[in-house]
Amino acid sequence: MPKYTPDEILAKYPELQSKLNWRKQDIGIFLRCKLVRGYYDSKRRITVIDEKSLIELMEFANGNLDKQKVDI
């Protein structure tokens, strides 16, 4: 799978900002907490995230949101 910077990820998946309120700083935190795979390129000063691991995290987040619904 391709690798993207947080800006590229938010451009490709704009619903991350509108529905989940994820910012590019949040995506960097996900990398530091090892919730997604990727690396920080210190020479270019950018974070690069593996798209497959991000998709897995989105699926996990969506599943948890579905489980939190309260039926009335």
Protein backbone atom coordinates (compact mmCIF):
# COMPACT_ATOMS: atom_id res chain seq x y z
CA MET A 1 0.00 0.00 0.00
CA PRO A 2 1.17 3.55 -0.62
CA LYS A 3 2.41 5.86 2.08
CA TYR A 4 1.06 9.38 2.63
CA THR A 5 1.76 12.46 4.72
CA PRO A 6 -0.99 13.60 7.10
CA ASP A 7 -1.92 16.44 4.71
CA GLU A 8 -2.27 13.98 1.82
CA ILE A 9 -4.36 11.65 4.00
CA LEU A 10 -6.78 14.41 4.95
CA ALA A 11 -7.03 15.48 1.30
CA LYS A 12 -7.77 11.90 0.22
CA TYR A 13 -10.19 11.18 3.10
CA PRO A 14 -11.88 14.53 3.94
CA GLU A 15 -14.53 12.77 6.04
CA LEU A 16 -11.84 12.11 8.66
CA GLN A 17 -11.99 15.81 9.49
CA SER A 18 -15.72 16.29 9.09
CA LYS A 19 -17.01 13.11 10.79
CA LEU A 20 -14.25 11.95 13.15
CA ASN A 21 -12.69 15.40 13.79
CA TRP A 22 -9.18 14.07 13.13
CA ARG A 23 -6.51 16.70 12.47
CA LYS A 24 -3.06 16.19 10.98
CA GLN A 25 -1.61 16.46 14.50
CA ASP A 26 -3.86 13.60 15.58
CA ILE A 27 -2.49 11.41 12.79
CA GLY A 28 1.04 12.15 14.01
CA ILE A 29 0.01 11.19 17.53
CA PHE A 30 -1.45 7.93 16.19
CA LEU A 31 1.99 7.14 14.76
CA ARG A 32 3.80 7.96 18.02
CA CYS A 33 1.33 5.78 19.93
CA LYS A 34 1.86 3.01 17.37
CA LEU A 35 -1.79 2.93 16.29
CA VAL A 36 -0.67 3.22 12.65
CA ARG A 37 2.48 2.12 10.84
CA GLY A 38 4.82 4.65 9.33
CA TYR A 39 7.85 6.76 10.16
CA TYR A 40 9.08 10.28 10.74
CA ASP A 41 11.60 11.51 8.17
CA SER A 42 13.82 13.85 10.18
CA LYS A 43 15.70 15.18 7.13
CA ARG A 44 12.53 16.30 5.36
CA ARG A 45 10.68 16.85 8.66
CA ILE A 46 7.56 14.98 7.59
CA THR A 47 5.51 12.10 8.93
CA VAL A 48 4.72 9.29 6.49
CA ILE A 49 1.87 6.88 7.23
CA ASP A 50 1.12 3.50 5.64
CA GLU A 51 -2.36 3.73 4.09
CA LYS A 52 -3.33 0.14 4.96
CA SER A 53 -2.70 0.69 8.67
CA LEU A 54 -4.75 3.91 8.55
CA ILE A 55 -7.64 2.08 6.88
CA GLU A 56 -7.47 -0.58 9.61
CA LEU A 57 -7.64 2.17 12.26
CA MET A 58 -10.62 3.79 10.50
CA GLU A 59 -12.44 0.43 10.41
CA PHE A 60 -11.72 -0.07 14.12
CA ALA A 61 -12.99 3.45 14.95
CA ASN A 62 -16.14 2.92 12.87
CA GLY A 63 -16.81 -0.42 14.58
CA ASN A 64 -16.45 1.14 18.01
CA LEU A 65 -18.77 3.99 17.09
CA ASP A 66 -21.39 1.48 15.93
CA LYS A 67 -21.13 -0.40 19.24
CA GLN A 68 -21.71 2.81 21.21
CA LYS A 69 -25.14 3.46 19.73
CA VAL A 70 -27.98 3.44 22.21
CA ASP A 71 -31.22 1.92 21.00
CA ILE A 72 -34.31 3.63 22.37
